[in-house]
Every structure is written in C-alpha cells, then in structure tokens.
Amino acid sequence: MQTAVHSPAMPPRTHPGLAVPANASQLLAALPQPIFVVRPDRRLLLCNRSAERLLRDHRAEVNAGHLMQIGQMDATRLQGPLRLAQAGSTSCVGLWFAPGISTGWLHSTPLPPDLVTSTGWPDDAVLLVIHLDQPALTQAARIDALARHSRLSAAERHVLMLLGDGMTVEASAQQLGVCLSTLRSHVRNLLGKTQASSLMQLLRWVGSGQALPH
C-alpha cells in the first residue's frame, strides 16, 4: 500500500504530498513494533512494515486512507486515545485480536517534536505504537487496563477477577453472595462491554498472552 516503510535504507512511502527525509525513515523503520502515524481524524500518514503485516493479517484495517480498526478497537473506540494524544497526553489500551486471542497494547502519543520538524507532518499528528503479545504482564494489570478501557463496574471487575482466578460461575456467585442469574447477567455485560466473542476468549486474554488453540 502507499503508506509503508520498506527498509531502513529507503524512505517510507507516505500520504501523497508529504515528503519524509531519510533520517526520519530510518528511525521509524527501525522500530520492531507496528507503528501508525495518523491525524486526529484517523487519516493515515504512515505505517511501517510491521503495521503492514497487521493489515495483511486483517488484525487492523484501513479504508479510504483512514485507519478504521486495530484489534477490537474500531473507529469509534480509537477516537479516545487520539483525543488524548491531541491534547498532549500519552495513553495505553489493552488489545486483542480475533479469531484467536493474540494480545498486546496500543500506546498513543503526540508525534515527537523532532519528527514533526524533520517530516513536515502536522503538529497534531499522533504516533500509535502497538506492542504485541506480552505474556509477562500480570493478570491483575490486564484486568485493570480492561476495566478502565471498557468502563467495567466494580461488580463486573470483581466477577472477572474471580473467574480469571479459576472459579466457576456457580462458585463465583456463591463467593459474591448473589444468585446465579445475577452472576450470569454480569458475565453478559462483560462480554458486551469488552466485545469478546466468548467468556473463554476473555479469560484467556486476561490470563495469558498466548493464542487460543484453533
């Protein structure tokens, strides 16, 4: 596609009309993580080779020159990190990728001033860096990140922690002192808010960075 870094020795191909000097090309191409540079409206300015691989594997999507999705983060959900970066803040959001459950984190940050200067890109451009498969992250950290991102209630977070620790739905209901139908309602809410396709998928994500067997 037209927005790709092909090697450290070659300048990245970018959105038409935006020239990128070799030093910026080498910096961006040297990053092992997938990276996207976008405007606040999600218009794509650049992606590196690792990001292209996400697109080819359908783990991210670009349409009409705009970034539409990364993992479970669709265009609407991407607006939150982009707004924070536009305001000068850095954010970190948990990612997962169906149909398996490879995982990672999306870091969004304002484009560093030296890159703004060297590329000529707009100063509101946002750098998105994706860190894939980090099994060293603790389960508690994953649940905390997911609770913030998906706005889980305290009860929903507690249910997820119990289920993530290996309790059955029935045992979790007994532990919380609620009826089974209430616990199952919490589980339905968890799946809806996180956009996970199944409870197994969600629990595997919070407990491990490994993919589910096919």
C-alpha atoms as a PDB file:
ATOM      1  CA  MET A   1       0.000   0.000   0.000  1.00  0.00           C
ATOM      2  CA  GLN A   2       1.073   3.600  -0.351  1.00  0.00           C
ATOM      3  CA  THR A   3       1.911   4.150   3.322  1.00  0.00           C
ATOM      4  CA  ALA A   4       4.725   1.721   4.020  1.00  0.00           C
ATOM      5  CA  VAL A   5       8.283   1.661   5.256  1.00  0.00           C
ATOM      6  CA  HIS A   6      10.061  -0.984   3.185  1.00  0.00           C
ATOM      7  CA  SER A   7      13.543  -0.959   4.705  1.00  0.00           C
ATOM      8  CA  PRO A   8      15.729   1.249   6.884  1.00  0.00           C
ATOM      9  CA  ALA A   9      17.623   2.294   3.774  1.00  0.00           C
ATOM     10  CA  MET A  10      14.547   3.543   1.946  1.00  0.00           C
ATOM     11  CA  PRO A  11      12.253   6.430   2.873  1.00  0.00           C
ATOM     12  CA  PRO A  12       8.741   5.364   3.829  1.00  0.00           C
ATOM     13  CA  ARG A  13       6.020   5.886   1.291  1.00  0.00           C
ATOM     14  CA  THR A  14       3.532   8.244   2.833  1.00  0.00           C
ATOM     15  CA  HIS A  15       0.348  10.073   2.086  1.00  0.00           C
ATOM     16  CA  PRO A  16       0.756  11.942  -1.222  1.00  0.00           C
ATOM     17  CA  GLY A  17       2.384  15.344  -0.828  1.00  0.00           C
ATOM     18  CA  LEU A  18       4.212  14.522   2.409  1.00  0.00           C
ATOM     19  CA  ALA A  19       7.973  14.074   1.979  1.00  0.00           C
ATOM     20  CA  VAL A  20       9.925  12.245   4.663  1.00  0.00           C
ATOM     21  CA  PRO A  21      13.716  12.623   4.843  1.00  0.00           C
ATOM     22  CA  ALA A  22      15.973   9.592   5.230  1.00  0.00           C
ATOM     23  CA  ASN A  23      16.750  10.141   8.925  1.00  0.00           C
ATOM     24  CA  ALA A  24      13.070  10.001   9.867  1.00  0.00           C
ATOM     25  CA  SER A  25      12.648   6.971   7.639  1.00  0.00           C
ATOM     26  CA  GLN A  26      15.447   5.136   9.420  1.00  0.00           C
ATOM     27  CA  LEU A  27      14.050   5.989  12.843  1.00  0.00           C
ATOM     28  CA  LEU A  28      10.562   4.777  12.030  1.00  0.00           C
ATOM     29  CA  ALA A  29      11.689   1.698  10.114  1.00  0.00           C
ATOM     30  CA  ALA A  30      13.988   0.627  12.964  1.00  0.00           C
ATOM     31  CA  LEU A  31      11.062   0.179  15.357  1.00  0.00           C
ATOM     32  CA  PRO A  32      10.255  -3.534  15.692  1.00  0.00           C
ATOM     33  CA  GLN A  33       6.704  -2.793  16.819  1.00  0.00           C
ATOM     34  CA  PRO A  34       3.916  -1.957  14.374  1.00  0.00           C
ATOM     35  CA  ILE A  35       3.512   1.810  14.156  1.00  0.00           C
ATOM     36  CA  PHE A  36       0.966   4.091  12.543  1.00  0.00           C
ATOM     37  CA  VAL A  37       1.140   7.863  12.207  1.00  0.00           C
ATOM     38  CA  VAL A  38      -2.322   9.363  11.843  1.00  0.00           C
ATOM     39  CA  ARG A  39      -4.167  12.652  12.010  1.00  0.00           C
ATOM     40  CA  PRO A  40      -6.845  13.129  14.711  1.00  0.00           C
ATOM     41  CA  ASP A  41      -9.474  12.233  12.076  1.00  0.00           C
ATOM     42  CA  ARG A  42      -7.651   8.869  11.630  1.00  0.00           C
ATOM     43  CA  ARG A  43      -6.252   9.857   8.215  1.00  0.00           C
ATOM     44  CA  LEU A  44      -3.213   7.673   7.748  1.00  0.00           C
ATOM     45  CA  LEU A  45       0.120   9.382   7.176  1.00  0.00           C
ATOM     46  CA  LEU A  46       2.445   6.400   7.540  1.00  0.00           C
ATOM     47  CA  CYS A  47       2.706   2.788   8.640  1.00  0.00           C
ATOM     48  CA  ASN A  48       5.834   0.670   8.950  1.00  0.00           C
ATOM     49  CA  ARG A  49       6.421  -2.869   7.744  1.00  0.00           C
ATOM     50  CA  SER A  50       5.181  -4.484  10.963  1.00  0.00           C
ATOM     51  CA  ALA A  51       1.993  -2.428  10.746  1.00  0.00           C
ATOM     52  CA  GLU A  52       1.545  -3.565   7.152  1.00  0.00           C
ATOM     53  CA  ARG A  53       1.665  -7.133   8.416  1.00  0.00           C
ATOM     54  CA  LEU A  54      -1.226  -6.392  10.774  1.00  0.00           C
ATOM     55  CA  LEU A  55      -3.192  -5.086   7.815  1.00  0.00           C
ATOM     56  CA  ARG A  56      -2.423  -8.146   5.697  1.00  0.00           C
ATOM     57  CA  ASP A  57      -3.449 -10.434   8.570  1.00  0.00           C
ATOM     58  CA  HIS A  58      -6.707  -8.478   8.992  1.00  0.00           C
ATOM     59  CA  ARG A  59      -5.764  -7.553  12.558  1.00  0.00           C
ATOM     60  CA  ALA A  60      -6.010  -3.895  11.559  1.00  0.00           C
ATOM     61  CA  GLU A  61      -7.973  -2.162   8.809  1.00  0.00           C
ATOM     62  CA  VAL A  62      -7.515   0.898   6.632  1.00  0.00           C
ATOM     63  CA  ASN A  63     -10.270   2.148   4.359  1.00  0.00           C
ATOM     64  CA  ALA A  64     -10.174   5.140   2.026  1.00  0.00           C
ATOM     65  CA  GLY A  65      -6.902   6.284   3.587  1.00  0.00           C
ATOM     66  CA  HIS A  66      -8.239   6.234   7.145  1.00  0.00           C
ATOM     67  CA  LEU A  67      -7.378   3.870   9.989  1.00  0.00           C
ATOM     68  CA  MET A  68     -10.621   2.070  10.778  1.00  0.00           C
ATOM     69  CA  GLN A  69      -9.665  -0.618  13.290  1.00  0.00           C
ATOM     70  CA  ILE A  70      -6.847  -2.128  15.367  1.00  0.00           C
ATOM     71  CA  GLY A  71      -7.843  -5.364  17.072  1.00  0.00           C
ATOM     72  CA  GLN A  72     -11.115  -4.829  18.908  1.00  0.00           C
ATOM     73  CA  MET A  73     -10.658  -1.049  18.701  1.00  0.00           C
ATOM     74  CA  ASP A  74     -12.978   0.182  15.956  1.00  0.00           C
ATOM     75  CA  ALA A  75     -13.086   3.725  14.563  1.00  0.00           C
ATOM     76  CA  THR A  76     -15.257   4.987  17.428  1.00  0.00           C
ATOM     77  CA  ARG A  77     -13.075   3.473  20.172  1.00  0.00           C
ATOM     78  CA  LEU A  78      -9.904   4.794  18.534  1.00  0.00           C
ATOM     79  CA  GLN A  79     -11.151   8.346  18.984  1.00  0.00           C
ATOM     80  CA  GLY A  80     -10.460   8.239  22.742  1.00  0.00           C
ATOM     81  CA  PRO A  81      -6.691   7.611  22.503  1.00  0.00           C
ATOM     82  CA  LEU A  82      -6.439  10.012  19.571  1.00  0.00           C
ATOM     83  CA  ARG A  83      -8.152  12.808  21.523  1.00  0.00           C
ATOM     84  CA  LEU A  84      -5.839  12.247  24.490  1.00  0.00           C
ATOM     85  CA  ALA A  85      -2.769  12.385  22.254  1.00  0.00           C
ATOM     86  CA  GLN A  86      -4.059  15.514  20.532  1.00  0.00           C
ATOM     87  CA  ALA A  87      -4.352  17.082  23.995  1.00  0.00           C
ATOM     88  CA  GLY A  88      -0.726  16.179  24.719  1.00  0.00           C
ATOM     89  CA  SER A  89      -1.284  13.036  26.803  1.00  0.00           C
ATOM     90  CA  THR A  90       0.001   9.500  26.338  1.00  0.00           C
ATOM     91  CA  SER A  91      -2.359   6.546  26.806  1.00  0.00           C
ATOM     92  CA  CYS A  92      -2.127   2.762  26.878  1.00  0.00           C
ATOM     93  CA  VAL A  93      -5.035   0.479  25.936  1.00  0.00           C
ATOM     94  CA  GLY A  94      -5.200  -3.320  26.002  1.00  0.00           C
ATOM     95  CA  LEU A  95      -5.706  -5.009  22.620  1.00  0.00           C
ATOM     96  CA  TRP A  96      -6.798  -8.428  21.499  1.00  0.00           C
ATOM     97  CA  PHE A  97      -7.153  -9.889  18.058  1.00  0.00           C
ATOM     98  CA  ALA A  98      -9.786 -12.413  16.935  1.00  0.00           C
ATOM     99  CA  PRO A  99     -10.381 -15.180  15.926  1.00  0.00           C
ATOM    100  CA  GLY A 100      -7.535 -16.362  18.170  1.00  0.00           C
ATOM    101  CA  ILE A 101      -6.602 -14.287  21.145  1.00  0.00           C
ATOM    102  CA  SER A 102      -3.202 -12.808  20.446  1.00  0.00           C
ATOM    103  CA  THR A 103      -2.867  -9.778  22.643  1.00  0.00           C
ATOM    104  CA  GLY A 104      -0.966  -6.568  23.113  1.00  0.00           C
ATOM    105  CA  TRP A 105      -1.184  -2.899  23.977  1.00  0.00           C
ATOM    106  CA  LEU A 106      -1.837   0.230  21.965  1.00  0.00           C
ATOM    107  CA  HIS A 107       0.287   3.205  23.016  1.00  0.00           C
ATOM    108  CA  SER A 108      -0.792   6.567  21.622  1.00  0.00           C
ATOM    109  CA  THR A 109       1.297   9.713  21.983  1.00  0.00           C
ATOM    110  CA  PRO A 110       1.698  13.071  20.265  1.00  0.00           C
ATOM    111  CA  LEU A 111       4.249  12.910  17.455  1.00  0.00           C
ATOM    112  CA  PRO A 112       7.607  13.952  18.981  1.00  0.00           C
ATOM    113  CA  PRO A 113       8.676  17.489  18.011  1.00  0.00           C
ATOM    114  CA  ASP A 114      11.820  16.263  16.228  1.00  0.00           C
ATOM    115  CA  LEU A 115       9.704  14.103  13.928  1.00  0.00           C
ATOM    116  CA  VAL A 116       7.301  16.985  13.308  1.00  0.00           C
ATOM    117  CA  THR A 117      10.284  19.139  12.329  1.00  0.00           C
ATOM    118  CA  SER A 118      12.027  16.555  10.184  1.00  0.00           C
ATOM    119  CA  THR A 119       8.951  15.222   8.379  1.00  0.00           C
ATOM    120  CA  GLY A 120       6.901  18.354   7.888  1.00  0.00           C
ATOM    121  CA  TRP A 121       3.863  16.500   9.174  1.00  0.00           C
ATOM    122  CA  PRO A 122       1.156  18.489  11.004  1.00  0.00           C
ATOM    123  CA  ASP A 123       1.898  19.068  14.672  1.00  0.00           C
ATOM    124  CA  ASP A 124      -1.390  17.395  15.607  1.00  0.00           C
ATOM    125  CA  ALA A 125      -0.204  14.058  14.147  1.00  0.00           C
ATOM    126  CA  VAL A 126      -0.400  11.094  16.528  1.00  0.00           C
ATOM    127  CA  LEU A 127       2.054   8.234  16.869  1.00  0.00           C
ATOM    128  CA  LEU A 128       0.429   4.847  17.537  1.00  0.00           C
ATOM    129  CA  VAL A 129       2.811   2.089  18.668  1.00  0.00           C
ATOM    130  CA  ILE A 130       1.499  -1.458  19.088  1.00  0.00           C
ATOM    131  CA  HIS A 131       3.246  -3.875  21.445  1.00  0.00           C
ATOM    132  CA  LEU A 132       2.129  -7.419  20.681  1.00  0.00           C
ATOM    133  CA  ASP A 133       1.951 -10.494  22.907  1.00  0.00           C
ATOM    134  CA  GLN A 134       3.257  -9.516  26.296  1.00  0.00           C
ATOM    135  CA  PRO A 135       2.659 -12.602  28.467  1.00  0.00           C
ATOM    136  CA  ALA A 136       4.817 -11.122  31.250  1.00  0.00           C
ATOM    137  CA  LEU A 137       2.030  -8.676  32.061  1.00  0.00           C
ATOM    138  CA  THR A 138       0.231  -9.809  35.180  1.00  0.00           C
ATOM    139  CA  GLN A 139      -3.393 -10.821  35.105  1.00  0.00           C
ATOM    140  CA  ALA A 140      -4.251  -8.028  37.529  1.00  0.00           C
ATOM    141  CA  ALA A 141      -2.658  -5.451  35.222  1.00  0.00           C
ATOM    142  CA  ARG A 142      -4.656  -6.752  32.274  1.00  0.00           C
ATOM    143  CA  ILE A 143      -7.899  -6.643  34.231  1.00  0.00           C
ATOM    144  CA  ASP A 144      -7.180  -3.121  35.475  1.00  0.00           C
ATOM    145  CA  ALA A 145      -6.450  -1.930  31.930  1.00  0.00           C
ATOM    146  CA  LEU A 146      -9.571  -3.631  30.620  1.00  0.00           C
ATOM    147  CA  ALA A 147     -11.704  -2.195  33.432  1.00  0.00           C
ATOM    148  CA  ARG A 148     -10.573   1.339  32.588  1.00  0.00           C
ATOM    149  CA  HIS A 149     -10.906   0.935  28.851  1.00  0.00           C
ATOM    150  CA  SER A 150     -14.285  -0.837  28.837  1.00  0.00           C
ATOM    151  CA  ARG A 151     -15.685   1.080  31.845  1.00  0.00           C
ATOM    152  CA  LEU A 152     -16.410  -2.041  33.857  1.00  0.00           C
ATOM    153  CA  SER A 153     -18.361  -1.589  37.046  1.00  0.00           C
ATOM    154  CA  ALA A 154     -16.808  -2.629  40.345  1.00  0.00           C
ATOM    155  CA  ALA A 155     -19.028  -5.719  40.393  1.00  0.00           C
ATOM    156  CA  GLU A 156     -18.109  -6.674  36.826  1.00  0.00           C
ATOM    157  CA  ARG A 157     -14.403  -6.256  37.586  1.00  0.00           C
ATOM    158  CA  HIS A 158     -14.772  -8.419  40.714  1.00  0.00           C
ATOM    159  CA  VAL A 159     -16.557 -11.126  38.720  1.00  0.00           C
ATOM    160  CA  LEU A 160     -13.810 -11.067  36.103  1.00  0.00           C
ATOM    161  CA  MET A 161     -11.122 -11.391  38.786  1.00  0.00           C
ATOM    162  CA  LEU A 162     -12.860 -14.412  40.347  1.00  0.00           C
ATOM    163  CA  LEU A 163     -13.415 -16.127  37.005  1.00  0.00           C
ATOM    164  CA  GLY A 164      -9.859 -15.291  35.966  1.00  0.00           C
ATOM    165  CA  ASP A 165      -8.602 -16.997  39.130  1.00  0.00           C
ATOM    166  CA  GLY A 166     -10.296 -20.204  38.005  1.00  0.00           C
ATOM    167  CA  MET A 167     -13.588 -20.073  39.886  1.00  0.00           C
ATOM    168  CA  THR A 168     -16.663 -21.440  38.161  1.00  0.00           C
ATOM    169  CA  VAL A 169     -19.673 -19.242  37.541  1.00  0.00           C
ATOM    170  CA  GLU A 170     -21.526 -21.062  40.315  1.00  0.00           C
ATOM    171  CA  ALA A 171     -18.676 -20.689  42.814  1.00  0.00           C
ATOM    172  CA  SER A 172     -18.274 -17.028  41.919  1.00  0.00           C
ATOM    173  CA  ALA A 173     -21.949 -16.383  42.579  1.00  0.00           C
ATOM    174  CA  GLN A 174     -21.620 -18.075  45.977  1.00  0.00           C
ATOM    175  CA  GLN A 175     -18.478 -16.095  46.780  1.00  0.00           C
ATOM    176  CA  LEU A 176     -20.218 -12.806  45.970  1.00  0.00           C
ATOM    177  CA  GLY A 177     -23.453 -13.806  47.702  1.00  0.00           C
ATOM    178  CA  VAL A 178     -25.596 -13.269  44.591  1.00  0.00           C
ATOM    179  CA  CYS A 179     -27.934 -15.531  42.699  1.00  0.00           C
ATOM    180  CA  LEU A 180     -26.719 -17.378  39.619  1.00  0.00           C
ATOM    181  CA  SER A 181     -28.865 -15.275  37.275  1.00  0.00           C
ATOM    182  CA  THR A 182     -27.232 -12.085  38.593  1.00  0.00           C
ATOM    183  CA  LEU A 183     -23.761 -13.524  38.053  1.00  0.00           C
ATOM    184  CA  ARG A 184     -24.674 -14.549  34.510  1.00  0.00           C
ATOM    185  CA  SER A 185     -26.002 -11.045  33.887  1.00  0.00           C
ATOM    186  CA  HIS A 186     -22.602  -9.665  34.927  1.00  0.00           C
ATOM    187  CA  VAL A 187     -20.934 -12.081  32.500  1.00  0.00           C
ATOM    188  CA  ARG A 188     -23.193 -10.915  29.647  1.00  0.00           C
ATOM    189  CA  ASN A 189     -22.313  -7.319  30.470  1.00  0.00           C
ATOM    190  CA  LEU A 190     -18.608  -8.176  30.478  1.00  0.00           C
ATOM    191  CA  LEU A 191     -18.837  -9.741  27.036  1.00  0.00           C
ATOM    192  CA  GLY A 192     -20.818  -6.807  25.691  1.00  0.00           C
ATOM    193  CA  LYS A 193     -18.529  -4.126  27.062  1.00  0.00           C
ATOM    194  CA  THR A 194     -15.289  -5.856  26.055  1.00  0.00           C
ATOM    195  CA  GLN A 195     -16.599  -7.088  22.690  1.00  0.00           C
ATOM    196  CA  ALA A 196     -15.179 -10.533  23.451  1.00  0.00           C
ATOM    197  CA  SER A 197     -16.850 -13.336  21.488  1.00  0.00           C
ATOM    198  CA  SER A 198     -16.919 -15.751  24.427  1.00  0.00           C
ATOM    199  CA  LEU A 199     -16.103 -15.978  28.116  1.00  0.00           C
ATOM    200  CA  MET A 200     -13.261 -18.376  27.296  1.00  0.00           C
ATOM    201  CA  GLN A 201     -11.721 -15.815  24.962  1.00  0.00           C
ATOM    202  CA  LEU A 202     -11.956 -13.077  27.565  1.00  0.00           C
ATOM    203  CA  LEU A 203     -10.494 -15.199  30.362  1.00  0.00           C
ATOM    204  CA  ARG A 204      -7.642 -16.391  28.174  1.00  0.00           C
ATOM    205  CA  TRP A 205      -6.806 -12.782  27.383  1.00  0.00           C
ATOM    206  CA  VAL A 206      -6.640 -11.664  30.989  1.00  0.00           C
ATOM    207  CA  GLY A 207      -4.607 -14.704  31.996  1.00  0.00           C
ATOM    208  CA  SER A 208      -2.092 -15.099  29.182  1.00  0.00           C
ATOM    209  CA  GLY A 209      -0.521 -13.581  26.109  1.00  0.00           C
ATOM    210  CA  GLN A 210      -0.783 -16.879  24.253  1.00  0.00           C
ATOM    211  CA  ALA A 211      -3.189 -17.579  21.394  1.00  0.00           C
ATOM    212  CA  LEU A 212      -6.093 -19.938  21.845  1.00  0.00           C
ATOM    213  CA  PRO A 213      -5.674 -23.273  20.020  1.00  0.00           C
ATOM    214  CA  HIS A 214      -7.672 -23.457  16.807  1.00  0.00           C
END
